[in-house]
Amino acid sequence: MPFGKKQVFLPNFRIGLLRASHLPPNFAQFIVPLNFTKLDLKDYLYHAYGVKVLSVRSYVVQQKVKRIKNLEEPRREWYRPRAIKKMTIELERPFVYPAEPTDLSPCVYL
């Protein structure tokens, strides 16, 4: 295949790995989009990272009702922020979180 002709498919979603210290080493927790299914996460982790998942548990966390204070108008408006979907997976092998960074100063690349 000629150079530069291979198709690359990038995902159009974001997944966040949560540092959950209350879980055993063979479990990991993620924040995923609301339309994500258990099979989507399992397939993504296997094909992107080669991680075999034994089971997946998912739940949706509703956010607290918040109030918008508009300084120009005396009325108040209430709204509920978008819900958050969390998935907890059981891994075939234990997972060790990387060490937390100690130096949080901005990096300068030359």
C-alpha atoms as a PDB file:
ATOM      1  CA  MET A   1       0.000   0.000   0.000  1.00  0.00           C
ATOM      2  CA  PRO A   2       1.454   3.417  -0.934  1.00  0.00           C
ATOM      3  CA  PHE A   3       2.504   5.784   1.814  1.00  0.00           C
ATOM      4  CA  GLY A   4      -0.348   7.936   3.144  1.00  0.00           C
ATOM      5  CA  LYS A   5      -3.150   5.877   1.561  1.00  0.00           C
ATOM      6  CA  LYS A   6      -4.225   3.883   4.644  1.00  0.00           C
ATOM      7  CA  GLN A   7      -7.563   4.991   6.091  1.00  0.00           C
ATOM      8  CA  VAL A   8      -7.581   5.886   9.790  1.00  0.00           C
ATOM      9  CA  PHE A   9     -10.868   5.985  11.698  1.00  0.00           C
ATOM     10  CA  LEU A  10     -10.977   8.162  14.815  1.00  0.00           C
ATOM     11  CA  PRO A  11     -13.804   7.902  17.350  1.00  0.00           C
ATOM     12  CA  ASN A  12     -16.261  10.781  17.646  1.00  0.00           C
ATOM     13  CA  PHE A  13     -16.741  10.388  21.414  1.00  0.00           C
ATOM     14  CA  ARG A  14     -14.786  10.914  24.626  1.00  0.00           C
ATOM     15  CA  ILE A  15     -14.295   8.400  27.410  1.00  0.00           C
ATOM     16  CA  GLY A  16     -12.851   9.412  30.774  1.00  0.00           C
ATOM     17  CA  LEU A  17     -11.076   6.982  33.090  1.00  0.00           C
ATOM     18  CA  LEU A  18     -11.890   7.755  36.724  1.00  0.00           C
ATOM     19  CA  ARG A  19      -9.346   7.163  39.477  1.00  0.00           C
ATOM     20  CA  ALA A  20     -11.593   5.111  41.785  1.00  0.00           C
ATOM     21  CA  SER A  21      -9.611   4.130  44.884  1.00  0.00           C
ATOM     22  CA  HIS A  22     -12.613   2.322  46.391  1.00  0.00           C
ATOM     23  CA  LEU A  23     -12.566  -0.358  43.661  1.00  0.00           C
ATOM     24  CA  PRO A  24     -10.384  -3.500  43.683  1.00  0.00           C
ATOM     25  CA  PRO A  25      -7.441  -3.623  41.205  1.00  0.00           C
ATOM     26  CA  ASN A  26      -9.327  -5.702  38.625  1.00  0.00           C
ATOM     27  CA  PHE A  27     -12.068  -3.042  38.240  1.00  0.00           C
ATOM     28  CA  ALA A  28     -11.977   0.306  36.417  1.00  0.00           C
ATOM     29  CA  GLN A  29     -14.582   3.069  36.119  1.00  0.00           C
ATOM     30  CA  PHE A  30     -15.290   5.302  33.117  1.00  0.00           C
ATOM     31  CA  ILE A  31     -17.454   8.309  32.254  1.00  0.00           C
ATOM     32  CA  VAL A  32     -19.018   7.686  28.848  1.00  0.00           C
ATOM     33  CA  PRO A  33     -21.560   9.423  26.572  1.00  0.00           C
ATOM     34  CA  LEU A  34     -25.237   8.810  27.381  1.00  0.00           C
ATOM     35  CA  ASN A  35     -25.821   6.895  24.144  1.00  0.00           C
ATOM     36  CA  PHE A  36     -22.931   4.485  24.829  1.00  0.00           C
ATOM     37  CA  THR A  37     -23.843   0.825  25.471  1.00  0.00           C
ATOM     38  CA  LYS A  38     -22.031  -1.889  27.388  1.00  0.00           C
ATOM     39  CA  LEU A  39     -21.072  -3.601  24.144  1.00  0.00           C
ATOM     40  CA  ASP A  40     -19.681  -0.333  22.747  1.00  0.00           C
ATOM     41  CA  LEU A  41     -17.322   0.088  25.713  1.00  0.00           C
ATOM     42  CA  LYS A  42     -16.277  -3.556  25.690  1.00  0.00           C
ATOM     43  CA  ASP A  43     -15.573  -3.457  21.942  1.00  0.00           C
ATOM     44  CA  TYR A  44     -13.724  -0.127  22.156  1.00  0.00           C
ATOM     45  CA  LEU A  45     -11.407  -1.277  24.960  1.00  0.00           C
ATOM     46  CA  TYR A  46     -10.624  -4.537  23.190  1.00  0.00           C
ATOM     47  CA  HIS A  47      -9.880  -3.054  19.766  1.00  0.00           C
ATOM     48  CA  ALA A  48      -8.122   0.129  20.925  1.00  0.00           C
ATOM     49  CA  TYR A  49      -6.081  -1.224  23.854  1.00  0.00           C
ATOM     50  CA  GLY A  50      -6.327  -5.032  23.694  1.00  0.00           C
ATOM     51  CA  VAL A  51      -8.036  -5.147  27.118  1.00  0.00           C
ATOM     52  CA  LYS A  52     -10.370  -8.076  27.745  1.00  0.00           C
ATOM     53  CA  VAL A  53     -13.439  -7.158  29.794  1.00  0.00           C
ATOM     54  CA  LEU A  54     -15.334  -9.795  31.791  1.00  0.00           C
ATOM     55  CA  SER A  55     -18.392  -7.744  32.798  1.00  0.00           C
ATOM     56  CA  VAL A  56     -19.764  -4.208  32.554  1.00  0.00           C
ATOM     57  CA  ARG A  57     -22.110  -2.373  34.931  1.00  0.00           C
ATOM     58  CA  SER A  58     -23.586   0.960  33.940  1.00  0.00           C
ATOM     59  CA  TYR A  59     -25.688   3.598  35.646  1.00  0.00           C
ATOM     60  CA  VAL A  60     -26.836   7.142  34.995  1.00  0.00           C
ATOM     61  CA  VAL A  61     -26.248   9.841  37.616  1.00  0.00           C
ATOM     62  CA  GLN A  62     -28.749  12.704  37.579  1.00  0.00           C
ATOM     63  CA  GLN A  63     -27.336  16.128  38.363  1.00  0.00           C
ATOM     64  CA  LYS A  64     -28.748  18.458  40.996  1.00  0.00           C
ATOM     65  CA  VAL A  65     -31.178  21.170  39.948  1.00  0.00           C
ATOM     66  CA  LYS A  66     -29.376  24.488  39.504  1.00  0.00           C
ATOM     67  CA  ARG A  67     -30.541  28.062  39.303  1.00  0.00           C
ATOM     68  CA  ILE A  68     -29.487  30.689  36.761  1.00  0.00           C
ATOM     69  CA  LYS A  69     -29.226  34.099  38.310  1.00  0.00           C
ATOM     70  CA  ASN A  70     -29.634  36.708  35.628  1.00  0.00           C
ATOM     71  CA  LEU A  71     -28.509  40.083  36.907  1.00  0.00           C
ATOM     72  CA  GLU A  72     -30.487  42.014  34.311  1.00  0.00           C
ATOM     73  CA  GLU A  73     -33.855  40.385  35.035  1.00  0.00           C
ATOM     74  CA  PRO A  74     -35.333  39.877  38.503  1.00  0.00           C
ATOM     75  CA  ARG A  75     -36.758  36.398  37.721  1.00  0.00           C
ATOM     76  CA  ARG A  76     -34.887  33.182  38.367  1.00  0.00           C
ATOM     77  CA  GLU A  77     -34.719  30.192  36.065  1.00  0.00           C
ATOM     78  CA  TRP A  78     -34.169  26.624  37.174  1.00  0.00           C
ATOM     79  CA  TYR A  79     -32.627  23.853  35.116  1.00  0.00           C
ATOM     80  CA  ARG A  80     -31.101  20.409  35.513  1.00  0.00           C
ATOM     81  CA  PRO A  81     -27.666  19.849  33.907  1.00  0.00           C
ATOM     82  CA  ARG A  82     -27.223  16.904  31.605  1.00  0.00           C
ATOM     83  CA  ALA A  83     -26.934  13.511  33.303  1.00  0.00           C
ATOM     84  CA  ILE A  84     -23.630  11.619  33.534  1.00  0.00           C
ATOM     85  CA  LYS A  85     -23.314   7.962  32.574  1.00  0.00           C
ATOM     86  CA  LYS A  86     -20.728   5.886  34.429  1.00  0.00           C
ATOM     87  CA  MET A  87     -19.610   2.374  33.584  1.00  0.00           C
ATOM     88  CA  THR A  88     -17.660   0.042  35.835  1.00  0.00           C
ATOM     89  CA  ILE A  89     -15.836  -2.833  34.156  1.00  0.00           C
ATOM     90  CA  GLU A  90     -14.296  -6.005  35.500  1.00  0.00           C
ATOM     91  CA  LEU A  91     -10.952  -6.736  33.861  1.00  0.00           C
ATOM     92  CA  GLU A  92      -9.357 -10.068  33.121  1.00  0.00           C
ATOM     93  CA  ARG A  93      -6.057  -8.904  34.653  1.00  0.00           C
ATOM     94  CA  PRO A  94      -5.514  -6.341  37.459  1.00  0.00           C
ATOM     95  CA  PHE A  95      -4.987  -2.718  36.440  1.00  0.00           C
ATOM     96  CA  VAL A  96      -2.556  -0.365  38.165  1.00  0.00           C
ATOM     97  CA  TYR A  97      -3.201   3.364  37.819  1.00  0.00           C
ATOM     98  CA  PRO A  98      -0.214   5.456  36.735  1.00  0.00           C
ATOM     99  CA  ALA A  99       1.350   7.665  39.386  1.00  0.00           C
ATOM    100  CA  GLU A 100      -0.276  11.057  39.869  1.00  0.00           C
ATOM    101  CA  PRO A 101       1.799  13.908  38.438  1.00  0.00           C
ATOM    102  CA  THR A 102       3.618  16.025  40.990  1.00  0.00           C
ATOM    103  CA  ASP A 103       4.796  18.837  38.707  1.00  0.00           C
ATOM    104  CA  LEU A 104       1.725  20.648  37.354  1.00  0.00           C
ATOM    105  CA  SER A 105       3.554  23.569  35.750  1.00  0.00           C
ATOM    106  CA  PRO A 106       2.880  24.130  32.043  1.00  0.00           C
ATOM    107  CA  CYS A 107       5.216  22.352  29.635  1.00  0.00           C
ATOM    108  CA  VAL A 108       7.152  24.283  27.032  1.00  0.00           C
ATOM    109  CA  TYR A 109       8.033  22.369  23.891  1.00  0.00           C
ATOM    110  CA  LEU A 110      10.656  23.810  21.590  1.00  0.00           C
END
